[in-house]
Protein backbone atom coordinates (compact mmCIF):
# COMPACT_ATOMS: atom_id res chain seq x y z
CA MET A 1 102.96 125.84 85.03
CA LEU A 2 105.62 124.40 87.24
CA LEU A 3 107.04 120.85 85.91
CA ALA A 4 107.86 117.88 88.73
CA ASP A 5 109.62 115.05 87.19
CA ASP A 6 113.17 113.50 87.59
CA HIS A 7 113.46 112.54 83.55
CA THR A 8 115.11 115.09 82.00
CA LEU A 9 114.49 114.30 78.71
CA VAL A 10 110.82 114.21 79.58
CA VAL A 11 111.13 117.04 81.35
CA GLU A 12 112.75 118.15 78.51
CA ALA A 13 110.47 117.21 75.80
CA LEU A 14 107.59 118.84 77.76
CA LYS A 15 108.69 122.00 77.85
CA ARG A 16 109.41 122.08 73.94
CA LEU A 17 105.90 121.46 73.48
CA LEU A 18 104.07 123.52 76.71
CA GLU A 19 105.96 126.57 76.12
CA PRO A 20 104.54 127.33 72.54
CA GLU A 21 101.20 127.89 74.10
CA PHE A 22 101.84 127.91 78.24
CA ASP A 23 104.41 129.93 80.30
CA VAL A 24 106.85 127.44 82.29
CA VAL A 25 108.51 129.53 85.32
CA GLY A 26 110.38 126.38 86.00
CA THR A 27 110.66 122.45 86.51
CA VAL A 28 111.66 120.36 89.47
CA ALA A 29 112.72 117.09 89.65
CA ASP A 30 111.52 115.80 93.35
CA GLY A 31 108.73 116.31 95.24
CA ARG A 32 110.87 118.18 97.77
CA ALA A 33 111.76 120.62 95.65
CA LEU A 34 108.09 121.14 93.97
CA LEU A 35 107.42 122.13 97.90
CA ARG A 36 109.78 124.43 98.32
CA VAL A 37 109.78 126.75 95.18
CA ALA A 38 105.66 126.51 94.25
CA PRO A 39 104.77 129.02 96.84
CA GLY A 40 107.42 131.71 95.65
CA LEU A 41 106.76 130.89 91.56
CA LYS A 42 102.47 131.18 92.52
CA PRO A 43 102.00 128.66 88.85
CA ASP A 44 97.95 128.69 87.80
CA VAL A 45 98.73 125.12 86.81
CA VAL A 46 101.81 122.38 87.78
CA LEU A 47 101.94 118.58 86.33
CA VAL A 48 103.54 116.52 88.68
CA ASP A 49 104.90 112.95 87.91
CA LEU A 50 104.04 109.75 90.70
CA ASN A 51 106.84 108.21 91.12
CA MET A 52 109.56 111.72 92.84
CA PRO A 53 112.51 110.44 94.81
CA LEU A 54 112.60 113.21 98.40
CA LEU A 55 109.23 112.87 98.20
CA ASN A 56 106.55 111.19 96.39
CA GLY A 57 104.04 112.86 93.85
CA LEU A 58 101.57 111.58 95.34
CA ASP A 59 102.06 112.89 99.02
CA ALA A 60 103.99 116.18 97.55
CA SER A 61 100.86 117.27 95.49
CA GLU A 62 98.76 116.91 99.20
CA GLN A 63 100.52 119.25 100.57
CA LEU A 64 101.15 121.37 98.17
CA LYS A 65 97.01 121.47 97.75
CA GLN A 66 97.50 123.26 101.29
CA LEU A 67 99.98 125.18 100.22
CA LEU A 68 98.77 126.70 97.46
CA PRO A 69 94.85 125.68 98.12
CA LYS A 70 94.28 127.73 94.12
CA VAL A 71 96.69 125.41 92.34
CA LYS A 72 95.49 123.15 89.60
CA ILE A 73 97.03 119.70 90.10
CA ILE A 74 97.15 117.47 86.94
CA VAL A 75 99.22 114.18 87.43
CA LEU A 76 101.00 112.72 83.97
CA THR A 77 102.68 109.63 84.95
CA MET A 78 103.12 106.03 83.39
CA ASN A 79 100.63 103.90 86.06
CA GLU A 80 97.12 102.98 85.32
CA ASP A 81 96.07 101.97 88.69
CA ALA A 82 92.48 102.86 88.81
CA GLU A 83 92.16 103.04 92.69
CA ILE A 84 95.32 105.47 92.28
CA ALA A 85 94.01 107.81 89.69
CA ALA A 86 90.54 108.60 92.10
CA GLU A 87 92.20 108.64 95.19
CA THR A 88 94.18 111.66 93.41
CA MET A 89 90.84 112.82 92.23
CA ALA A 90 88.79 113.10 94.96
CA LYS A 91 91.89 114.38 96.98
CA TRP A 92 93.94 117.13 95.13
CA ALA A 93 93.91 116.10 91.38
CA SER A 94 92.25 118.84 88.59
CA GLY A 95 93.45 116.17 86.01
CA TYR A 96 94.95 112.19 85.01
CA LEU A 97 96.99 111.92 82.33
CA LEU A 98 99.18 108.42 81.12
CA LYS A 99 102.54 109.61 79.79
CA LYS A 100 101.46 107.28 77.01
CA SER A 101 98.78 110.45 76.09
CA ALA A 102 99.78 111.46 73.01
CA GLY A 103 101.07 115.52 72.75
CA SER A 104 97.62 116.92 71.62
CA GLU A 105 96.29 114.84 74.59
CA LEU A 106 98.32 116.84 77.39
CA LEU A 107 97.24 120.50 76.15
CA LYS A 108 93.53 119.19 75.41
CA ALA A 109 93.34 118.52 79.40
CA VAL A 110 95.90 121.84 80.49
CA ARG A 111 93.62 123.93 78.60
CA GLU A 112 90.51 121.81 80.11
CA VAL A 113 91.66 121.83 83.57
CA LEU A 114 92.44 126.29 83.28
CA ARG A 115 88.55 126.54 82.33
CA GLY A 116 88.23 124.62 85.85
CA SER A 117 86.77 121.80 84.10
CA LYS A 118 88.70 117.99 85.58
CA TYR A 119 90.50 115.94 82.70
CA ILE A 120 90.76 111.75 83.07
CA THR A 121 92.58 111.03 79.88
CA PRO A 122 90.11 108.37 78.37
CA ALA A 123 92.50 105.30 78.42
CA ILE A 124 91.70 105.05 82.24
CA ALA A 125 88.05 105.87 82.31
CA ALA A 126 85.89 102.41 81.63
CA GLU A 127 88.85 100.90 84.84
CA LEU A 128 87.82 104.30 86.82
CA ALA A 129 84.48 104.01 85.74
CA GLU A 130 84.42 100.46 87.67
CA TYR A 131 86.46 101.21 90.26
CA THR A 132 84.11 103.63 91.38
CA THR A 133 81.73 101.79 91.26
CA ARG A 134 83.52 98.68 93.28
CA GLY A 135 84.60 100.85 95.93
CA PRO A 136 88.22 100.82 97.05
CA ARG A 137 89.87 97.60 97.77
CA SER A 138 91.61 98.64 101.21
CA GLU A 139 91.92 101.43 103.50
CA ALA A 140 95.58 100.53 103.93
CA ALA A 141 97.23 103.75 103.02
CA LYS A 142 95.10 106.06 105.39
CA SER A 143 96.82 104.76 108.20
CA LEU A 144 100.37 106.04 107.78
CA THR A 145 101.37 109.51 109.03
CA THR A 146 102.36 112.51 106.47
CA ARG A 147 105.67 112.50 109.11
CA GLN A 148 105.71 108.15 108.35
CA ARG A 149 104.95 107.70 104.78
CA GLU A 150 107.73 110.75 104.46
CA VAL A 151 110.40 108.78 106.43
CA LEU A 152 109.31 105.60 105.08
CA GLN A 153 109.99 107.06 101.82
CA LEU A 154 113.58 107.91 102.32
CA LEU A 155 114.61 104.73 103.93
CA ALA A 156 112.78 102.72 101.42
CA GLU A 157 115.09 104.76 98.54
CA GLY A 158 118.57 103.42 100.53
CA HIS A 159 119.03 106.00 103.07
CA THR A 160 120.83 105.77 106.24
CA MET A 161 118.49 106.77 109.21
CA LYS A 162 121.05 109.31 109.56
CA GLU A 163 120.46 110.67 105.75
CA ALA A 164 117.20 110.98 106.35
CA ALA A 165 116.91 113.30 109.44
CA ASP A 166 119.66 115.03 107.70
CA ILE A 167 116.48 115.98 104.79
CA LEU A 168 114.10 116.68 107.36
CA HIS A 169 115.56 118.09 109.35
CA LEU A 170 115.04 115.91 112.67
CA ALA A 171 117.27 113.71 114.40
CA THR A 172 118.18 110.61 114.21
CA ARG A 173 117.19 108.96 117.33
CA THR A 174 113.51 110.73 115.87
CA VAL A 175 114.04 109.26 112.74
CA ALA A 176 115.03 105.44 114.82
CA PHE A 177 111.46 105.83 116.33
CA HIS A 178 109.03 106.64 113.03
CA LYS A 179 110.61 102.91 111.02
CA TYR A 180 110.27 101.23 114.49
CA ARG A 181 106.91 102.53 114.71
CA ILE A 182 106.06 101.65 111.37
CA MET A 183 107.56 98.14 111.69
CA HIS A 184 106.20 97.60 115.28
CA ASP A 185 102.39 98.75 113.92
CA PHE A 186 102.91 96.82 110.45
CA GLY A 187 104.49 93.42 112.12
CA LEU A 188 107.84 94.20 109.83
CA GLU A 189 110.79 92.14 110.74
CA ASN A 190 113.46 93.88 108.44
CA ASN A 191 113.95 96.07 106.53
CA SER A 192 113.04 93.34 103.04
CA GLU A 193 109.69 94.24 104.96
CA LEU A 194 109.67 97.13 105.07
CA LEU A 195 111.08 98.00 101.30
CA ARG A 196 107.93 95.71 100.43
CA PHE A 197 105.30 97.75 102.79
CA ALA A 198 106.64 100.85 100.96
CA ILE A 199 106.10 99.65 97.75
CA LYS A 200 102.27 98.51 99.07
CA GLN A 201 102.04 101.54 100.26
CA ARG A 202 102.64 103.53 97.04
CA VAL A 203 105.48 105.19 98.74
CA ILE A 204 107.77 104.56 96.59
CA ASN A 205 107.34 102.07 92.96
CA GLN A 206 108.76 98.40 92.16
CA ALA A 207 111.46 98.87 90.40
């Protein structure tokens, strides 16, 4: 099992909970590190937080599933949004739990996922069922490319275009191109609007 969360105390608590029963092969603190180390470690299960720096858990997990199609990904998050839960479970997740869930529930979820089942925490099951009946509110999040989401997250986190370029191994002018393409396509006038757009697109969480 691989743990992906940028909060050290959370990771240490998870290791203490999981290690008596499961083999924790590593921990990472951001989405880019997850994509870098997971192919070498080949974990059966990845426990991932959605709100991570450099590359968020939503986008990192979707890319990871392409790299390791057989890996089981369990979301462990504070986000109770049924729309996000439905999206992750439809695309790549095998489980969805909240950080306020009991430790015993996490252990149960891991066991069920390893057996080939899916697990949704009862804490959001009713909201998820209502959302599934109602249908999605918006398709806007799907209109950004993968590269645009990566650039948007880094800029929204406060990185300069040069820093973002270094992280993504791109030319600065390429990052600038993506930034201004996003601003043009979505009618954004300044960096403040770009930040609000990043939150709306679930690229970063609102502080």
